[in-house]
PDB file of N, CA and C in Angstrom:
ATOM      1  N   MET A   1      -9.797  -5.912  16.631  1.00  0.00           N
ATOM      2  CA  MET A   1     -10.470  -4.881  15.872  1.00  0.00           C
ATOM      3  C   MET A   1      -9.545  -4.408  14.750  1.00  0.00           C
ATOM      4  N   GLU A   2     -10.051  -4.338  13.551  1.00  0.00           N
ATOM      5  CA  GLU A   2      -9.209  -3.991  12.408  1.00  0.00           C
ATOM      6  C   GLU A   2      -9.120  -2.483  12.219  1.00  0.00           C
ATOM      7  N   ALA A   3      -8.049  -2.062  11.541  1.00  0.00           N
ATOM      8  CA  ALA A   3      -7.839  -0.646  11.253  1.00  0.00           C
ATOM      9  C   ALA A   3      -7.400  -0.503   9.800  1.00  0.00           C
ATOM     10  N   THR A   4      -7.790   0.603   9.186  1.00  0.00           N
ATOM     11  CA  THR A   4      -7.454   0.833   7.781  1.00  0.00           C
ATOM     12  C   THR A   4      -6.683   2.138   7.624  1.00  0.00           C
ATOM     13  N   ALA A   5      -5.988   2.235   6.493  1.00  0.00           N
ATOM     14  CA  ALA A   5      -5.317   3.475   6.097  1.00  0.00           C
ATOM     15  C   ALA A   5      -5.411   3.570   4.579  1.00  0.00           C
ATOM     16  N   ARG A   6      -5.513   4.800   4.081  1.00  0.00           N
ATOM     17  CA  ARG A   6      -5.656   5.004   2.635  1.00  0.00           C
ATOM     18  C   ARG A   6      -4.591   5.962   2.127  1.00  0.00           C
ATOM     19  N   LEU A   7      -4.116   5.681   0.935  1.00  0.00           N
ATOM     20  CA  LEU A   7      -3.185   6.552   0.234  1.00  0.00           C
ATOM     21  C   LEU A   7      -3.858   6.942  -1.068  1.00  0.00           C
ATOM     22  N   ARG A   8      -4.031   8.246  -1.298  1.00  0.00           N
ATOM     23  CA  ARG A   8      -4.766   8.713  -2.464  1.00  0.00           C
ATOM     24  C   ARG A   8      -3.825   9.402  -3.449  1.00  0.00           C
ATOM     25  N   ASN A   9      -4.062   9.172  -4.738  1.00  0.00           N
ATOM     26  CA  ASN A   9      -3.369   9.843  -5.831  1.00  0.00           C
ATOM     27  C   ASN A   9      -1.849   9.756  -5.737  1.00  0.00           C
ATOM     28  N   GLN A  10      -1.349   8.571  -5.458  1.00  0.00           N
ATOM     29  CA  GLN A  10       0.100   8.338  -5.471  1.00  0.00           C
ATOM     30  C   GLN A  10       0.555   8.294  -6.935  1.00  0.00           C
ATOM     31  N   PRO A  11       1.510   9.136  -7.342  1.00  0.00           N
ATOM     32  CA  PRO A  11       1.875   9.194  -8.762  1.00  0.00           C
ATOM     33  C   PRO A  11       2.757   8.037  -9.217  1.00  0.00           C
ATOM     34  N   THR A  12       2.209   6.850  -9.150  1.00  0.00           N
ATOM     35  CA  THR A  12       2.850   5.630  -9.640  1.00  0.00           C
ATOM     36  C   THR A  12       1.769   4.836 -10.346  1.00  0.00           C
ATOM     37  N   SER A  13       2.127   4.113 -11.371  1.00  0.00           N
ATOM     38  CA  SER A  13       1.099   3.346 -12.063  1.00  0.00           C
ATOM     39  C   SER A  13       0.583   2.233 -11.144  1.00  0.00           C
ATOM     40  N   PRO A  14      -0.704   1.919 -11.242  1.00  0.00           N
ATOM     41  CA  PRO A  14      -1.264   0.885 -10.375  1.00  0.00           C
ATOM     42  C   PRO A  14      -0.597  -0.464 -10.562  1.00  0.00           C
ATOM     43  N   ARG A  15      -0.142  -0.753 -11.757  1.00  0.00           N
ATOM     44  CA  ARG A  15       0.490  -2.047 -12.022  1.00  0.00           C
ATOM     45  C   ARG A  15       1.775  -2.212 -11.212  1.00  0.00           C
ATOM     46  N   LYS A  16       2.572  -1.149 -11.131  1.00  0.00           N
ATOM     47  CA  LYS A  16       3.815  -1.214 -10.360  1.00  0.00           C
ATOM     48  C   LYS A  16       3.532  -1.336  -8.864  1.00  0.00           C
ATOM     49  N   MET A  17       2.484  -0.652  -8.401  1.00  0.00           N
ATOM     50  CA  MET A  17       2.142  -0.721  -6.978  1.00  0.00           C
ATOM     51  C   MET A  17       1.573  -2.087  -6.623  1.00  0.00           C
ATOM     52  N   ARG A  18       0.816  -2.701  -7.545  1.00  0.00           N
ATOM     53  CA  ARG A  18       0.237  -4.027  -7.271  1.00  0.00           C
ATOM     54  C   ARG A  18       1.301  -5.096  -7.096  1.00  0.00           C
ATOM     55  N   LEU A  19       2.441  -4.944  -7.771  1.00  0.00           N
ATOM     56  CA  LEU A  19       3.525  -5.916  -7.600  1.00  0.00           C
ATOM     57  C   LEU A  19       3.972  -5.974  -6.143  1.00  0.00           C
ATOM     58  N   LEU A  20       4.080  -4.820  -5.501  1.00  0.00           N
ATOM     59  CA  LEU A  20       4.471  -4.786  -4.094  1.00  0.00           C
ATOM     60  C   LEU A  20       3.320  -5.197  -3.182  1.00  0.00           C
ATOM     61  N   ALA A  21       2.108  -4.811  -3.547  1.00  0.00           N
ATOM     62  CA  ALA A  21       0.955  -5.159  -2.722  1.00  0.00           C
ATOM     63  C   ALA A  21       0.774  -6.673  -2.669  1.00  0.00           C
ATOM     64  N   ASP A  22       1.016  -7.341  -3.793  1.00  0.00           N
ATOM     65  CA  ASP A  22       0.891  -8.796  -3.816  1.00  0.00           C
ATOM     66  C   ASP A  22       1.948  -9.468  -2.957  1.00  0.00           C
ATOM     67  N   LEU A  23       3.103  -8.811  -2.797  1.00  0.00           N
ATOM     68  CA  LEU A  23       4.164  -9.374  -1.961  1.00  0.00           C
ATOM     69  C   LEU A  23       3.771  -9.430  -0.493  1.00  0.00           C
ATOM     70  N   ILE A  24       3.117  -8.367  -0.004  1.00  0.00           N
ATOM     71  CA  ILE A  24       2.875  -8.277   1.437  1.00  0.00           C
ATOM     72  C   ILE A  24       1.470  -8.704   1.858  1.00  0.00           C
ATOM     73  N   ARG A  25       0.609  -9.037   0.915  1.00  0.00           N
ATOM     74  CA  ARG A  25      -0.760  -9.430   1.264  1.00  0.00           C
ATOM     75  C   ARG A  25      -0.744 -10.696   2.118  1.00  0.00           C
ATOM     76  N   GLY A  26      -1.372 -10.652   3.287  1.00  0.00           N
ATOM     77  CA  GLY A  26      -1.462 -11.802   4.180  1.00  0.00           C
ATOM     78  C   GLY A  26      -0.260 -11.997   5.078  1.00  0.00           C
ATOM     79  N   MET A  27       0.752 -11.160   4.966  1.00  0.00           N
ATOM     80  CA  MET A  27       1.969 -11.292   5.777  1.00  0.00           C
ATOM     81  C   MET A  27       1.774 -10.706   7.158  1.00  0.00           C
ATOM     82  N   GLU A  28       2.620 -11.151   8.092  1.00  0.00           N
ATOM     83  CA  GLU A  28       2.661 -10.499   9.394  1.00  0.00           C
ATOM     84  C   GLU A  28       3.265  -9.113   9.206  1.00  0.00           C
ATOM     85  N   VAL A  29       2.887  -8.176  10.052  1.00  0.00           N
ATOM     86  CA  VAL A  29       3.236  -6.778   9.864  1.00  0.00           C
ATOM     87  C   VAL A  29       4.750  -6.551   9.928  1.00  0.00           C
ATOM     88  N   GLU A  30       5.424  -7.172  10.888  1.00  0.00           N
ATOM     89  CA  GLU A  30       6.871  -6.960  11.015  1.00  0.00           C
ATOM     90  C   GLU A  30       7.607  -7.474   9.784  1.00  0.00           C
ATOM     91  N   LYS A  31       7.194  -8.617   9.293  1.00  0.00           N
ATOM     92  CA  LYS A  31       7.826  -9.187   8.106  1.00  0.00           C
ATOM     93  C   LYS A  31       7.540  -8.318   6.873  1.00  0.00           C
ATOM     94  N   ALA A  32       6.312  -7.813   6.764  1.00  0.00           N
ATOM     95  CA  ALA A  32       5.947  -6.954   5.636  1.00  0.00           C
ATOM     96  C   ALA A  32       6.746  -5.651   5.653  1.00  0.00           C
ATOM     97  N   LEU A  33       6.973  -5.090   6.840  1.00  0.00           N
ATOM     98  CA  LEU A  33       7.779  -3.879   6.941  1.00  0.00           C
ATOM     99  C   LEU A  33       9.208  -4.126   6.490  1.00  0.00           C
ATOM    100  N   ASN A  34       9.761  -5.286   6.864  1.00  0.00           N
ATOM    101  CA  ASN A  34      11.123  -5.616   6.431  1.00  0.00           C
ATOM    102  C   ASN A  34      11.196  -5.813   4.920  1.00  0.00           C
ATOM    103  N   VAL A  35      10.193  -6.456   4.349  1.00  0.00           N
ATOM    104  CA  VAL A  35      10.170  -6.668   2.897  1.00  0.00           C
ATOM    105  C   VAL A  35      10.132  -5.326   2.171  1.00  0.00           C
ATOM    106  N   LEU A  36       9.301  -4.412   2.653  1.00  0.00           N
ATOM    107  CA  LEU A  36       9.187  -3.112   2.002  1.00  0.00           C
ATOM    108  C   LEU A  36      10.427  -2.250   2.212  1.00  0.00           C
ATOM    109  N   LYS A  37      11.035  -2.366   3.390  1.00  0.00           N
ATOM    110  CA  LYS A  37      12.212  -1.545   3.686  1.00  0.00           C
ATOM    111  C   LYS A  37      13.385  -1.887   2.775  1.00  0.00           C
ATOM    112  N   PHE A  38      13.554  -3.173   2.458  1.00  0.00           N
ATOM    113  CA  PHE A  38      14.702  -3.595   1.677  1.00  0.00           C
ATOM    114  C   PHE A  38      14.373  -3.884   0.216  1.00  0.00           C
ATOM    115  N   ASN A  39      13.190  -3.484  -0.242  1.00  0.00           N
ATOM    116  CA  ASN A  39      12.831  -3.655  -1.636  1.00  0.00           C
ATOM    117  C   ASN A  39      13.369  -2.474  -2.436  1.00  0.00           C
ATOM    118  N   THR A  40      13.824  -2.735  -3.648  1.00  0.00           N
ATOM    119  CA  THR A  40      14.441  -1.683  -4.455  1.00  0.00           C
ATOM    120  C   THR A  40      13.448  -0.909  -5.318  1.00  0.00           C
ATOM    121  N   LYS A  41      12.220  -1.353  -5.414  1.00  0.00           N
ATOM    122  CA  LYS A  41      11.239  -0.648  -6.244  1.00  0.00           C
ATOM    123  C   LYS A  41      10.827   0.662  -5.575  1.00  0.00           C
ATOM    124  N   HIS A  42      10.650   1.714  -6.370  1.00  0.00           N
ATOM    125  CA  HIS A  42      10.391   3.034  -5.797  1.00  0.00           C
ATOM    126  C   HIS A  42       9.049   3.172  -5.072  1.00  0.00           C
ATOM    127  N   PRO A  43       7.992   2.406  -5.394  1.00  0.00           N
ATOM    128  CA  PRO A  43       6.761   2.578  -4.608  1.00  0.00           C
ATOM    129  C   PRO A  43       6.817   1.947  -3.217  1.00  0.00           C
ATOM    130  N   SER A  44       7.925   1.295  -2.860  1.00  0.00           N
ATOM    131  CA  SER A  44       7.992   0.640  -1.557  1.00  0.00           C
ATOM    132  C   SER A  44       8.042   1.654  -0.413  1.00  0.00           C
ATOM    133  N   VAL A  45       8.584   2.846  -0.651  1.00  0.00           N
ATOM    134  CA  VAL A  45       8.685   3.856   0.413  1.00  0.00           C
ATOM    135  C   VAL A  45       7.302   4.362   0.830  1.00  0.00           C
ATOM    136  N   PRO A  46       6.441   4.831  -0.099  1.00  0.00           N
ATOM    137  CA  PRO A  46       5.118   5.273   0.352  1.00  0.00           C
ATOM    138  C   PRO A  46       4.251   4.130   0.882  1.00  0.00           C
ATOM    139  N   LEU A  47       4.462   2.920   0.375  1.00  0.00           N
ATOM    140  CA  LEU A  47       3.691   1.782   0.871  1.00  0.00           C
ATOM    141  C   LEU A  47       4.107   1.427   2.296  1.00  0.00           C
ATOM    142  N   GLU A  48       5.400   1.566   2.590  1.00  0.00           N
ATOM    143  CA  GLU A  48       5.883   1.326   3.955  1.00  0.00           C
ATOM    144  C   GLU A  48       5.288   2.357   4.919  1.00  0.00           C
ATOM    145  N   LYS A  49       5.238   3.617   4.493  1.00  0.00           N
ATOM    146  CA  LYS A  49       4.648   4.664   5.329  1.00  0.00           C
ATOM    147  C   LYS A  49       3.163   4.415   5.555  1.00  0.00           C
ATOM    148  N   LEU A  50       2.490   3.927   4.536  1.00  0.00           N
ATOM    149  CA  LEU A  50       1.062   3.628   4.659  1.00  0.00           C
ATOM    150  C   LEU A  50       0.834   2.491   5.651  1.00  0.00           C
ATOM    151  N   LEU A  51       1.685   1.474   5.604  1.00  0.00           N
ATOM    152  CA  LEU A  51       1.563   0.356   6.544  1.00  0.00           C
ATOM    153  C   LEU A  51       1.811   0.829   7.975  1.00  0.00           C
ATOM    154  N   LEU A  52       2.794   1.708   8.163  1.00  0.00           N
ATOM    155  CA  LEU A  52       3.042   2.260   9.498  1.00  0.00           C
ATOM    156  C   LEU A  52       1.847   3.086   9.970  1.00  0.00           C
ATOM    157  N   SER A  53       1.202   3.787   9.060  1.00  0.00           N
ATOM    158  CA  SER A  53       0.011   4.554   9.413  1.00  0.00           C
ATOM    159  C   SER A  53      -1.135   3.638   9.832  1.00  0.00           C
ATOM    160  N   ALA A  54      -1.287   2.510   9.130  1.00  0.00           N
ATOM    161  CA  ALA A  54      -2.339   1.554   9.488  1.00  0.00           C
ATOM    162  C   ALA A  54      -2.066   0.949  10.863  1.00  0.00           C
ATOM    163  N   ILE A  55      -0.797   0.700  11.173  1.00  0.00           N
ATOM    164  CA  ILE A  55      -0.438   0.168  12.497  1.00  0.00           C
ATOM    165  C   ILE A  55      -0.767   1.198  13.580  1.00  0.00           C
ATOM    166  N   ASP A  56      -0.448   2.463  13.325  1.00  0.00           N
ATOM    167  CA  ASP A  56      -0.773   3.513  14.294  1.00  0.00           C
ATOM    168  C   ASP A  56      -2.279   3.673  14.468  1.00  0.00           C
ATOM    169  N   ASN A  57      -3.031   3.530  13.379  1.00  0.00           N
ATOM    170  CA  ASN A  57      -4.492   3.582  13.486  1.00  0.00           C
ATOM    171  C   ASN A  57      -5.012   2.431  14.335  1.00  0.00           C
ATOM    172  N   TRP A  58      -4.383   1.255  14.221  1.00  0.00           N
ATOM    173  CA  TRP A  58      -4.778   0.104  15.032  1.00  0.00           C
ATOM    174  C   TRP A  58      -4.481   0.381  16.507  1.00  0.00           C
ATOM    175  N   LYS A  59      -3.331   1.022  16.776  1.00  0.00           N
ATOM    176  CA  LYS A  59      -2.986   1.373  18.168  1.00  0.00           C
ATOM    177  C   LYS A  59      -4.007   2.344  18.746  1.00  0.00           C
ATOM    178  N   GLN A  60      -4.476   3.302  17.935  1.00  0.00           N
ATOM    179  CA  GLN A  60      -5.462   4.268  18.402  1.00  0.00           C
ATOM    180  C   GLN A  60      -6.783   3.587  18.763  1.00  0.00           C
ATOM    181  N   LYS A  61      -7.192   2.617  17.949  1.00  0.00           N
ATOM    182  CA  LYS A  61      -8.459   1.924  18.206  1.00  0.00           C
ATOM    183  C   LYS A  61      -8.368   0.987  19.402  1.00  0.00           C
ATOM    184  N   ASN A  62      -7.217   0.353  19.586  1.00  0.00           N
ATOM    185  CA  ASN A  62      -7.042  -0.641  20.641  1.00  0.00           C
ATOM    186  C   ASN A  62      -6.067  -0.121  21.685  1.00  0.00           C
ATOM    187  N   GLU A  63      -6.510   0.825  22.464  1.00  0.00           N
ATOM    188  CA  GLU A  63      -5.627   1.388  23.484  1.00  0.00           C
ATOM    189  C   GLU A  63      -5.347   0.343  24.552  1.00  0.00           C
ATOM    190  N   GLY A  64      -4.100   0.284  24.962  1.00  0.00           N
ATOM    191  CA  GLY A  64      -3.699  -0.689  25.975  1.00  0.00           C
ATOM    192  C   GLY A  64      -3.229  -1.995  25.384  1.00  0.00           C
ATOM    193  N   ALA A  65      -3.480  -2.242  24.097  1.00  0.00           N
ATOM    194  CA  ALA A  65      -3.031  -3.482  23.454  1.00  0.00           C
ATOM    195  C   ALA A  65      -1.625  -3.276  22.898  1.00  0.00           C
ATOM    196  N   ASP A  66      -0.836  -4.340  22.929  1.00  0.00           N
ATOM    197  CA  ASP A  66       0.541  -4.278  22.439  1.00  0.00           C
ATOM    198  C   ASP A  66       0.597  -4.847  21.029  1.00  0.00           C
ATOM    199  N   VAL A  67       1.329  -4.167  20.145  1.00  0.00           N
ATOM    200  CA  VAL A  67       1.423  -4.592  18.749  1.00  0.00           C
ATOM    201  C   VAL A  67       2.185  -5.912  18.632  1.00  0.00           C
ATOM    202  N   ALA A  68       3.216  -6.080  19.451  1.00  0.00           N
ATOM    203  CA  ALA A  68       4.043  -7.282  19.364  1.00  0.00           C
ATOM    204  C   ALA A  68       3.263  -8.534  19.758  1.00  0.00           C
ATOM    205  N   THR A  69       2.391  -8.423  20.742  1.00  0.00           N
ATOM    206  CA  THR A  69       1.641  -9.600  21.193  1.00  0.00           C
ATOM    207  C   THR A  69       0.338  -9.793  20.426  1.00  0.00           C
ATOM    208  N   ALA A  70      -0.066  -8.801  19.615  1.00  0.00           N
ATOM    209  CA  ALA A  70      -1.352  -8.884  18.914  1.00  0.00           C
ATOM    210  C   ALA A  70      -1.283  -9.707  17.632  1.00  0.00           C
ATOM    211  N   ASN A  71      -0.073 -10.047  17.149  1.00  0.00           N
ATOM    212  CA  ASN A  71       0.094 -10.791  15.894  1.00  0.00           C
ATOM    213  C   ASN A  71      -0.641 -10.112  14.750  1.00  0.00           C
ATOM    214  N   LEU A  72      -0.302  -8.845  14.501  1.00  0.00           N
ATOM    215  CA  LEU A  72      -0.958  -8.091  13.428  1.00  0.00           C
ATOM    216  C   LEU A  72      -0.590  -8.650  12.063  1.00  0.00           C
ATOM    217  N   VAL A  73      -1.589  -8.694  11.184  1.00  0.00           N
ATOM    218  CA  VAL A  73      -1.439  -9.244   9.839  1.00  0.00           C
ATOM    219  C   VAL A  73      -2.027  -8.246   8.843  1.00  0.00           C
ATOM    220  N   VAL A  74      -1.425  -8.166   7.658  1.00  0.00           N
ATOM    221  CA  VAL A  74      -2.001  -7.364   6.577  1.00  0.00           C
ATOM    222  C   VAL A  74      -3.200  -8.153   6.052  1.00  0.00           C
ATOM    223  N   LYS A  75      -4.383  -7.760   6.475  1.00  0.00           N
ATOM    224  CA  LYS A  75      -5.587  -8.523   6.149  1.00  0.00           C
ATOM    225  C   LYS A  75      -5.972  -8.330   4.681  1.00  0.00           C
ATOM    226  N   THR A  76      -6.130  -7.086   4.261  1.00  0.00           N
ATOM    227  CA  THR A  76      -6.434  -6.803   2.855  1.00  0.00           C
ATOM    228  C   THR A  76      -5.593  -5.622   2.402  1.00  0.00           C
ATOM    229  N   ILE A  77      -5.253  -5.636   1.128  1.00  0.00           N
ATOM    230  CA  ILE A  77      -4.596  -4.492   0.507  1.00  0.00           C
ATOM    231  C   ILE A  77      -5.117  -4.411  -0.921  1.00  0.00           C
ATOM    232  N   MET A  78      -5.662  -3.244  -1.270  1.00  0.00           N
ATOM    233  CA  MET A  78      -6.247  -3.045  -2.590  1.00  0.00           C
ATOM    234  C   MET A  78      -5.579  -1.864  -3.271  1.00  0.00           C
ATOM    235  N   VAL A  79      -5.281  -2.028  -4.544  1.00  0.00           N
ATOM    236  CA  VAL A  79      -4.709  -0.947  -5.347  1.00  0.00           C
ATOM    237  C   VAL A  79      -5.668  -0.664  -6.491  1.00  0.00           C
ATOM    238  N   ASP A  80      -6.201   0.547  -6.523  1.00  0.00           N
ATOM    239  CA  ASP A  80      -7.137   0.961  -7.567  1.00  0.00           C
ATOM    240  C   ASP A  80      -6.517   2.096  -8.371  1.00  0.00           C
ATOM    241  N   GLY A  81      -6.981   2.244  -9.589  1.00  0.00           N
ATOM    242  CA  GLY A  81      -6.497   3.339 -10.426  1.00  0.00           C
ATOM    243  C   GLY A  81      -6.993   4.675  -9.912  1.00  0.00           C
ATOM    244  N   GLY A  82      -6.153   5.672  -9.965  1.00  0.00           N
ATOM    245  CA  GLY A  82      -6.519   7.016  -9.539  1.00  0.00           C
ATOM    246  C   GLY A  82      -6.716   7.921 -10.740  1.00  0.00           C
ATOM    247  N   ARG A  83      -6.503   9.204 -10.535  1.00  0.00           N
ATOM    248  CA  ARG A  83      -6.650  10.149 -11.644  1.00  0.00           C
ATOM    249  C   ARG A  83      -5.538   9.933 -12.658  1.00  0.00           C
ATOM    250  N   MET A  84      -5.782  10.352 -13.874  1.00  0.00           N
ATOM    251  CA  MET A  84      -4.809  10.187 -14.939  1.00  0.00           C
ATOM    252  C   MET A  84      -4.567  11.558 -15.577  1.00  0.00           C
ATOM    253  N   LEU A  85      -3.323  12.003 -15.535  1.00  0.00           N
ATOM    254  CA  LEU A  85      -2.975  13.266 -16.185  1.00  0.00           C
ATOM    255  C   LEU A  85      -2.672  12.979 -17.640  1.00  0.00           C
ATOM    256  N   LYS A  86      -3.308  13.710 -18.537  1.00  0.00           N
ATOM    257  CA  LYS A  86      -3.101  13.481 -19.965  1.00  0.00           C
ATOM    258  C   LYS A  86      -2.249  14.613 -20.518  1.00  0.00           C
ATOM    259  N   ARG A  87      -1.107  14.242 -21.069  1.00  0.00           N
ATOM    260  CA  ARG A  87      -0.163  15.205 -21.614  1.00  0.00           C
ATOM    261  C   ARG A  87       0.118  14.866 -23.069  1.00  0.00           C
ATOM    262  N   MET A  88       0.577  15.858 -23.821  1.00  0.00           N
ATOM    263  CA  MET A  88       0.919  15.632 -25.223  1.00  0.00           C
ATOM    264  C   MET A  88       2.430  15.661 -25.377  1.00  0.00           C
ATOM    265  N   LEU A  89       2.948  14.715 -26.149  1.00  0.00           N
ATOM    266  CA  LEU A  89       4.374  14.579 -26.395  1.00  0.00           C
ATOM    267  C   LEU A  89       4.620  14.863 -27.876  1.00  0.00           C
ATOM    268  N   PRO A  90       5.544  15.762 -28.197  1.00  0.00           N
ATOM    269  CA  PRO A  90       5.789  16.061 -29.616  1.00  0.00           C
ATOM    270  C   PRO A  90       6.252  14.816 -30.371  1.00  0.00           C
ATOM    271  N   ALA A  91       5.734  14.663 -31.589  1.00  0.00           N
ATOM    272  CA  ALA A  91       6.067  13.523 -32.436  1.00  0.00           C
ATOM    273  C   ALA A  91       6.481  14.058 -33.807  1.00  0.00           C
ATOM    274  N   PRO A  92       7.063  13.206 -34.626  1.00  0.00           N
ATOM    275  CA  PRO A  92       7.518  13.682 -35.941  1.00  0.00           C
ATOM    276  C   PRO A  92       6.372  14.130 -36.850  1.00  0.00           C
ATOM    277  N   GLN A  93       6.696  14.980 -37.789  1.00  0.00           N
ATOM    278  CA  GLN A  93       5.798  15.466 -38.835  1.00  0.00           C
ATOM    279  C   GLN A  93       4.578  16.197 -38.277  1.00  0.00           C
ATOM    280  N   GLY A  94       4.799  16.968 -37.213  1.00  0.00           N
ATOM    281  CA  GLY A  94       3.726  17.802 -36.674  1.00  0.00           C
ATOM    282  C   GLY A  94       2.676  17.067 -35.879  1.00  0.00           C
ATOM    283  N   ARG A  95       2.893  15.819 -35.591  1.00  0.00           N
ATOM    284  CA  ARG A  95       1.925  15.046 -34.807  1.00  0.00           C
ATOM    285  C   ARG A  95       2.230  15.184 -33.316  1.00  0.00           C
ATOM    286  N   ALA A  96       1.341  14.615 -32.513  1.00  0.00           N
ATOM    287  CA  ALA A  96       1.553  14.584 -31.059  1.00  0.00           C
ATOM    288  C   ALA A  96       1.069  13.247 -30.531  1.00  0.00           C
ATOM    289  N   TYR A  97       1.843  12.684 -29.639  1.00  0.00           N
ATOM    290  CA  TYR A  97       1.452  11.438 -28.976  1.00  0.00           C
ATOM    291  C   TYR A  97       0.861  11.778 -27.628  1.00  0.00           C
ATOM    292  N   ARG A  98      -0.153  11.027 -27.237  1.00  0.00           N
ATOM    293  CA  ARG A  98      -0.758  11.225 -25.935  1.00  0.00           C
ATOM    294  C   ARG A  98       0.034  10.437 -24.893  1.00  0.00           C
ATOM    295  N   GLN A  99       0.394  11.118 -23.822  1.00  0.00           N
ATOM    296  CA  GLN A  99       1.098  10.473 -22.729  1.00  0.00           C
ATOM    297  C   GLN A  99       0.167  10.476 -21.525  1.00  0.00           C
ATOM    298  N   ARG A 100      -0.066   9.308 -20.938  1.00  0.00           N
ATOM    299  CA  ARG A 100      -0.953   9.192 -19.789  1.00  0.00           C
ATOM    300  C   ARG A 100      -0.123   8.949 -18.538  1.00  0.00           C
ATOM    301  N   LYS A 101      -0.148   9.904 -17.625  1.00  0.00           N
ATOM    302  CA  LYS A 101       0.584   9.768 -16.368  1.00  0.00           C
ATOM    303  C   LYS A 101      -0.397   9.237 -15.333  1.00  0.00           C
ATOM    304  N   ARG A 102      -0.221   7.982 -14.969  1.00  0.00           N
ATOM    305  CA  ARG A 102      -1.182   7.305 -14.105  1.00  0.00           C
ATOM    306  C   ARG A 102      -0.870   7.525 -12.628  1.00  0.00           C
ATOM    307  N   SER A 103      -1.896   7.373 -11.817  1.00  0.00           N
ATOM    308  CA  SER A 103      -1.731   7.404 -10.363  1.00  0.00           C
ATOM    309  C   SER A 103      -2.638   6.333  -9.782  1.00  0.00           C
ATOM    310  N   ASN A 104      -2.524   6.103  -8.475  1.00  0.00           N
ATOM    311  CA  ASN A 104      -3.316   5.037  -7.875  1.00  0.00           C
ATOM    312  C   ASN A 104      -3.780   5.403  -6.472  1.00  0.00           C
ATOM    313  N   HIS A 105      -4.757   4.642  -5.994  1.00  0.00           N
ATOM    314  CA  HIS A 105      -5.255   4.722  -4.624  1.00  0.00           C
ATOM    315  C   HIS A 105      -4.970   3.369  -3.973  1.00  0.00           C
ATOM    316  N   VAL A 106      -4.416   3.394  -2.761  1.00  0.00           N
ATOM    317  CA  VAL A 106      -4.121   2.152  -2.037  1.00  0.00           C
ATOM    318  C   VAL A 106      -4.898   2.173  -0.728  1.00  0.00           C
ATOM    319  N   THR A 107      -5.560   1.069  -0.413  1.00  0.00           N
ATOM    320  CA  THR A 107      -6.260   0.897   0.858  1.00  0.00           C
ATOM    321  C   THR A 107      -5.703  -0.346   1.527  1.00  0.00           C
ATOM    322  N   ILE A 108      -5.270  -0.210   2.773  1.00  0.00           N
ATOM    323  CA  ILE A 108      -4.683  -1.333   3.495  1.00  0.00           C
ATOM    324  C   ILE A 108      -5.421  -1.514   4.812  1.00  0.00           C
ATOM    325  N   THR A 109      -5.664  -2.767   5.178  1.00  0.00           N
ATOM    326  CA  THR A 109      -6.354  -3.107   6.419  1.00  0.00           C
ATOM    327  C   THR A 109      -5.482  -4.069   7.213  1.00  0.00           C
ATOM    328  N   VAL A 110      -5.255  -3.752   8.474  1.00  0.00           N
ATOM    329  CA  VAL A 110      -4.510  -4.651   9.361  1.00  0.00           C
ATOM    330  C   VAL A 110      -5.451  -5.127  10.459  1.00  0.00           C
ATOM    331  N   ASP A 111      -5.221  -6.349  10.900  1.00  0.00           N
ATOM    332  CA  ASP A 111      -6.043  -6.937  11.941  1.00  0.00           C
ATOM    333  C   ASP A 111      -5.206  -7.929  12.724  1.00  0.00           C
ATOM    334  N   SER A 112      -5.602  -8.220  13.937  1.00  0.00           N
ATOM    335  CA  SER A 112      -4.857  -9.198  14.728  1.00  0.00           C
ATOM    336  C   SER A 112      -5.267 -10.598  14.302  1.00  0.00           C
ATOM    337  N   LYS A 113      -4.265 -11.450  14.227  1.00  0.00           N
ATOM    338  CA  LYS A 113      -4.503 -12.834  13.801  1.00  0.00           C
ATOM    339  C   LYS A 113      -5.126 -13.596  14.964  1.00  0.00           C
ATOM    340  N   VAL A 114      -6.203 -14.301  14.678  1.00  0.00           N
ATOM    341  CA  VAL A 114      -6.870 -15.092  15.699  1.00  0.00           C
ATOM    342  C   VAL A 114      -6.202 -16.445  15.784  1.00  0.00           C
ATOM    343  N   VAL A 115      -5.687 -16.760  16.959  1.00  0.00           N
ATOM    344  CA  VAL A 115      -5.029 -18.049  17.178  1.00  0.00           C
ATOM    345  C   VAL A 115      -6.081 -19.014  17.682  1.00  0.00           C
ATOM    346  N   ALA A 116      -6.240 -20.134  16.965  1.00  0.00           N
ATOM    347  CA  ALA A 116      -7.255 -21.122  17.339  1.00  0.00           C
ATOM    348  C   ALA A 116      -6.822 -21.851  18.603  1.00  0.00           C
ATOM    349  N   ALA A 117      -7.714 -21.937  19.572  1.00  0.00           N
ATOM    350  CA  ALA A 117      -7.429 -22.634  20.826  1.00  0.00           C
ATOM    351  C   ALA A 117      -7.683 -24.140  20.634  1.00  0.00           C
ATOM    352  N   LYS A 118      -6.760 -24.931  21.155  1.00  0.00           N
ATOM    353  CA  LYS A 118      -6.918 -26.389  21.026  1.00  0.00           C
ATOM    354  C   LYS A 118      -7.289 -27.031  22.316  1.00  0.00           C
TER     355      LYS A 118
END
């Protein structure tokens, strides 16, 4: 049974978050946690917390099941654009430049990998 977790309005641009999301898509959960833990990009910390939340949600749904024996996999991870704060930055000769502070929404789904019986 799959479980999801959502992160809303994370103040990081979606493009930067997608770089990390593409790294862990389809990975086993333990390996994905290690990749995020030792990654130097700043969005790796909230993404790691989100993955841990998805694992805990899976534990809640599947009581009595063990995470280590379930072969949990990051089934889907989606990064969508969130709200955008629009600010003005002073520019020369009385002008102003528009500065867009982007944010994103991340949805992650974990599920146990089905091992084909031979």
